[in-house]
C-alpha atoms as a PDB file:
ATOM      1  CA  MET A   1     -26.258  78.093  -5.238  1.00  0.00           C
ATOM      2  CA  ALA A   2     -23.832  76.160  -3.080  1.00  0.00           C
ATOM      3  CA  ASN A   3     -20.449  74.888  -4.377  1.00  0.00           C
ATOM      4  CA  LEU A   4     -17.570  72.474  -3.694  1.00  0.00           C
ATOM      5  CA  GLN A   5     -14.191  72.665  -4.780  1.00  0.00           C
ATOM      6  CA  PHE A   6     -12.975  69.829  -7.337  1.00  0.00           C
ATOM      7  CA  ASP A   7      -8.974  68.561  -8.066  1.00  0.00           C
ATOM      8  CA  LEU A   8      -8.004  65.966 -10.733  1.00  0.00           C
ATOM      9  CA  VAL A   9      -4.897  64.558 -10.679  1.00  0.00           C
ATOM     10  CA  SER A  10      -3.146  62.005 -12.457  1.00  0.00           C
ATOM     11  CA  PRO A  11       0.844  60.356 -12.456  1.00  0.00           C
ATOM     12  CA  GLU A  12       1.755  63.100 -15.338  1.00  0.00           C
ATOM     13  CA  ARG A  13      -0.537  66.158 -13.977  1.00  0.00           C
ATOM     14  CA  ARG A  14      -2.798  68.087 -12.183  1.00  0.00           C
ATOM     15  CA  LEU A  15      -5.626  68.729 -14.893  1.00  0.00           C
ATOM     16  CA  ALA A  16      -8.270  70.854 -12.937  1.00  0.00           C
ATOM     17  CA  SER A  17      -8.916  72.579  -9.584  1.00  0.00           C
ATOM     18  CA  VAL A  18     -12.020  74.497  -9.830  1.00  0.00           C
ATOM     19  CA  GLU A  19     -14.724  75.551  -8.004  1.00  0.00           C
ATOM     20  CA  ALA A  20     -17.753  73.716  -9.019  1.00  0.00           C
ATOM     21  CA  THR A  21     -21.039  72.792  -8.428  1.00  0.00           C
ATOM     22  CA  GLU A  22     -21.503  68.825  -9.648  1.00  0.00           C
ATOM     23  CA  VAL A  23     -18.831  66.584 -11.074  1.00  0.00           C
ATOM     24  CA  GLN A  24     -20.181  63.597 -12.693  1.00  0.00           C
ATOM     25  CA  ILE A  25     -18.481  60.331 -11.128  1.00  0.00           C
ATOM     26  CA  PRO A  26     -17.943  57.367 -13.942  1.00  0.00           C
ATOM     27  CA  ALA A  27     -17.829  55.210 -10.511  1.00  0.00           C
ATOM     28  CA  ALA A  28     -17.290  51.506 -10.314  1.00  0.00           C
ATOM     29  CA  GLU A  29     -20.672  51.163  -8.602  1.00  0.00           C
ATOM     30  CA  GLY A  30     -22.464  53.565 -11.064  1.00  0.00           C
ATOM     31  CA  ASP A  31     -22.923  56.655 -12.181  1.00  0.00           C
ATOM     32  CA  MET A  32     -23.028  59.227  -9.650  1.00  0.00           C
ATOM     33  CA  THR A  33     -23.116  62.901  -9.302  1.00  0.00           C
ATOM     34  CA  ALA A  34     -21.134  64.359  -6.592  1.00  0.00           C
ATOM     35  CA  MET A  35     -22.537  68.008  -5.035  1.00  0.00           C
ATOM     36  CA  ALA A  36     -22.148  70.440  -1.932  1.00  0.00           C
ATOM     37  CA  ASN A  37     -23.103  68.809   0.826  1.00  0.00           C
ATOM     38  CA  HIS A  38     -22.656  65.325  -0.480  1.00  0.00           C
ATOM     39  CA  ALA A  39     -22.128  62.457   2.157  1.00  0.00           C
ATOM     40  CA  PRO A  40     -18.810  61.501   2.809  1.00  0.00           C
ATOM     41  CA  THR A  41     -17.609  58.507   0.170  1.00  0.00           C
ATOM     42  CA  ILE A  42     -14.513  57.321  -1.376  1.00  0.00           C
ATOM     43  CA  THR A  43     -15.370  55.620  -4.863  1.00  0.00           C
ATOM     44  CA  THR A  44     -13.286  53.832  -7.015  1.00  0.00           C
ATOM     45  CA  LEU A  45     -13.369  54.983 -10.872  1.00  0.00           C
ATOM     46  CA  ARG A  46     -13.906  53.058 -13.819  1.00  0.00           C
ATOM     47  CA  PRO A  47     -12.963  53.800 -17.551  1.00  0.00           C
ATOM     48  CA  GLY A  48     -15.241  57.016 -18.202  1.00  0.00           C
ATOM     49  CA  VAL A  49     -15.930  60.328 -18.929  1.00  0.00           C
ATOM     50  CA  LEU A  50     -16.026  62.572 -15.884  1.00  0.00           C
ATOM     51  CA  THR A  51     -17.699  65.747 -16.312  1.00  0.00           C
ATOM     52  CA  VAL A  52     -16.829  68.647 -13.314  1.00  0.00           C
ATOM     53  CA  VAL A  53     -19.647  71.726 -14.241  1.00  0.00           C
ATOM     54  CA  HIS A  54     -18.824  75.271 -12.906  1.00  0.00           C
ATOM     55  CA  SER A  55     -19.968  78.768 -13.102  1.00  0.00           C
ATOM     56  CA  GLY A  56     -18.013  78.905 -16.722  1.00  0.00           C
ATOM     57  CA  GLY A  57     -19.668  75.876 -18.158  1.00  0.00           C
ATOM     58  CA  SER A  58     -18.286  72.654 -17.825  1.00  0.00           C
ATOM     59  CA  ASP A  59     -15.453  70.410 -18.786  1.00  0.00           C
ATOM     60  CA  ALA A  60     -15.047  66.960 -19.847  1.00  0.00           C
ATOM     61  CA  TYR A  61     -12.233  64.418 -18.817  1.00  0.00           C
ATOM     62  CA  VAL A  62     -11.973  60.889 -20.146  1.00  0.00           C
ATOM     63  CA  VAL A  63     -10.470  58.548 -16.800  1.00  0.00           C
ATOM     64  CA  SER A  64      -9.434  54.804 -16.683  1.00  0.00           C
ATOM     65  CA  GLY A  65      -9.630  54.444 -13.611  1.00  0.00           C
ATOM     66  CA  GLY A  66      -8.511  55.326 -10.354  1.00  0.00           C
ATOM     67  CA  PHE A  67     -10.278  56.941  -7.012  1.00  0.00           C
ATOM     68  CA  ALA A  68     -12.270  59.536  -5.753  1.00  0.00           C
ATOM     69  CA  GLU A  69     -12.672  60.799  -2.853  1.00  0.00           C
ATOM     70  CA  ILE A  70     -16.064  62.872  -2.020  1.00  0.00           C
ATOM     71  CA  THR A  71     -16.677  65.461   0.933  1.00  0.00           C
ATOM     72  CA  ALA A  72     -19.394  67.668   1.497  1.00  0.00           C
ATOM     73  CA  GLU A  73     -16.862  70.876   0.743  1.00  0.00           C
ATOM     74  CA  GLY A  74     -15.290  68.857  -2.441  1.00  0.00           C
ATOM     75  CA  VAL A  75     -14.003  65.859  -4.659  1.00  0.00           C
ATOM     76  CA  SER A  76     -10.529  64.865  -5.115  1.00  0.00           C
ATOM     77  CA  VAL A  77     -10.276  62.440  -8.180  1.00  0.00           C
ATOM     78  CA  LEU A  78      -6.088  60.720  -8.125  1.00  0.00           C
ATOM     79  CA  ALA A  79      -6.708  58.984 -11.643  1.00  0.00           C
ATOM     80  CA  GLU A  80      -4.712  56.248 -12.779  1.00  0.00           C
ATOM     81  CA  GLN A  81      -5.217  58.326 -16.202  1.00  0.00           C
ATOM     82  CA  ALA A  82      -6.917  61.156 -17.585  1.00  0.00           C
ATOM     83  CA  LEU A  83      -6.577  63.680 -20.108  1.00  0.00           C
ATOM     84  CA  PRO A  84      -9.052  66.298 -21.045  1.00  0.00           C
ATOM     85  CA  LYS A  85     -11.940  65.167 -23.749  1.00  0.00           C
ATOM     86  CA  ASP A  86     -10.736  67.526 -26.126  1.00  0.00           C
ATOM     87  CA  GLU A  87      -6.928  65.782 -26.023  1.00  0.00           C
ATOM     88  CA  VAL A  88      -8.442  61.888 -27.164  1.00  0.00           C
ATOM     89  CA  THR A  89      -7.504  62.068 -30.406  1.00  0.00           C
ATOM     90  CA  GLN A  90      -8.536  59.029 -32.529  1.00  0.00           C
ATOM     91  CA  GLU A  91      -4.859  58.096 -31.820  1.00  0.00           C
ATOM     92  CA  VAL A  92      -4.356  58.290 -28.499  1.00  0.00           C
ATOM     93  CA  TYR A  93      -8.050  56.279 -27.854  1.00  0.00           C
ATOM     94  CA  ASP A  94      -6.710  53.694 -30.053  1.00  0.00           C
ATOM     95  CA  GLN A  95      -3.439  53.036 -28.086  1.00  0.00           C
ATOM     96  CA  MET A  96      -5.639  52.957 -24.983  1.00  0.00           C
ATOM     97  CA  VAL A  97      -7.782  50.439 -26.692  1.00  0.00           C
ATOM     98  CA  ALA A  98      -4.699  48.565 -27.442  1.00  0.00           C
ATOM     99  CA  ASP A  99      -3.658  48.857 -23.784  1.00  0.00           C
ATOM    100  CA  ALA A 100      -6.532  47.477 -22.739  1.00  0.00           C
ATOM    101  CA  LYS A 101      -6.840  44.693 -25.153  1.00  0.00           C
ATOM    102  CA  ALA A 102      -3.265  43.844 -24.076  1.00  0.00           C
ATOM    103  CA  ALA A 103      -4.096  43.410 -20.350  1.00  0.00           C
ATOM    104  CA  VAL A 104      -7.056  41.097 -21.179  1.00  0.00           C
ATOM    105  CA  SER A 105      -4.610  38.908 -23.109  1.00  0.00           C
ATOM    106  CA  ARG A 106      -2.050  38.990 -19.957  1.00  0.00           C
ATOM    107  CA  ALA A 107      -4.958  38.215 -17.424  1.00  0.00           C
ATOM    108  CA  GLN A 108      -5.770  35.036 -20.193  1.00  0.00           C
ATOM    109  CA  ASP A 109      -2.383  34.159 -20.231  1.00  0.00           C
ATOM    110  CA  ASN A 110      -1.377  34.401 -15.918  1.00  0.00           C
ATOM    111  CA  PHE A 111      -5.126  33.289 -14.996  1.00  0.00           C
ATOM    112  CA  LYS A 112      -5.638  30.348 -16.342  1.00  0.00           C
ATOM    113  CA  ASN A 113      -8.771  28.442 -15.199  1.00  0.00           C
ATOM    114  CA  GLU A 114      -8.906  32.099 -12.813  1.00  0.00           C
ATOM    115  CA  PRO A 115     -12.021  33.481 -14.441  1.00  0.00           C
ATOM    116  CA  GLY A 116     -11.925  36.603 -11.729  1.00  0.00           C
ATOM    117  CA  PRO A 117      -8.873  38.599 -12.981  1.00  0.00           C
ATOM    118  CA  VAL A 118      -9.841  37.693 -16.466  1.00  0.00           C
ATOM    119  CA  ASP A 119     -13.234  38.757 -16.555  1.00  0.00           C
ATOM    120  CA  ASP A 120     -11.873  41.750 -14.665  1.00  0.00           C
ATOM    121  CA  ALA A 121      -9.617  42.691 -17.660  1.00  0.00           C
ATOM    122  CA  ALA A 122     -12.574  42.363 -20.267  1.00  0.00           C
ATOM    123  CA  LYS A 123     -14.650  44.702 -18.523  1.00  0.00           C
ATOM    124  CA  LEU A 124     -12.050  47.014 -18.375  1.00  0.00           C
ATOM    125  CA  LEU A 125     -11.692  46.942 -22.258  1.00  0.00           C
ATOM    126  CA  SER A 126     -15.952  46.867 -22.420  1.00  0.00           C
ATOM    127  CA  ASP A 127     -15.535  49.983 -20.727  1.00  0.00           C
ATOM    128  CA  MET A 128     -12.789  51.365 -22.828  1.00  0.00           C
ATOM    129  CA  VAL A 129     -14.351  51.118 -26.160  1.00  0.00           C
ATOM    130  CA  ALA A 130     -17.648  52.412 -24.595  1.00  0.00           C
ATOM    131  CA  ILE A 131     -15.487  55.468 -23.778  1.00  0.00           C
ATOM    132  CA  GLY A 132     -15.498  55.935 -27.861  1.00  0.00           C
ATOM    133  CA  GLY A 133     -19.030  56.349 -27.900  1.00  0.00           C
ATOM    134  CA  HIS A 134     -19.499  59.088 -25.587  1.00  0.00           C
ATOM    135  CA  ILE A 135     -16.961  61.031 -26.917  1.00  0.00           C
ATOM    136  CA  GLY A 136     -17.438  60.213 -30.770  1.00  0.00           C
ATOM    137  CA  LEU A 137     -14.498  57.908 -31.414  1.00  0.00           C
ATOM    138  CA  THR A 138     -14.725  54.511 -32.753  1.00  0.00           C
ATOM    139  CA  ALA A 139     -12.464  51.430 -31.678  1.00  0.00           C
ATOM    140  CA  LYS A 140     -10.771  49.380 -34.182  1.00  0.00           C
ATOM    141  CA  ASP A 141     -11.106  45.330 -34.285  1.00  0.00           C
END
């Protein structure tokens, strides 16, 4: 089976650089899977779980947004925030949800009668809450 190079970086650190068989990406347009010989694509990420399958098994990362560049030979992900799934504790997750709630509040204050930015912030919050269901954590009300 053909492989591709996978790299994941966030502003804080490089999280992964591995030869992968597939990368499952939470793209803004919907979930997608990149494999070797994929058509060149650049997509934005929505908050979600990014999974990398490689010869040693698979690794999951929680991402809050960013970009993915897919080529026939590899996938490069530049994440706004990314953590290995195992590092996302209830405390870390609560902070991520609180940050998303604050973004909704700021958007409501700054963009009165402009639904676009408020809707975008609300979608971010919704996606962030949904991550909890995927990784076994619950958002506090």
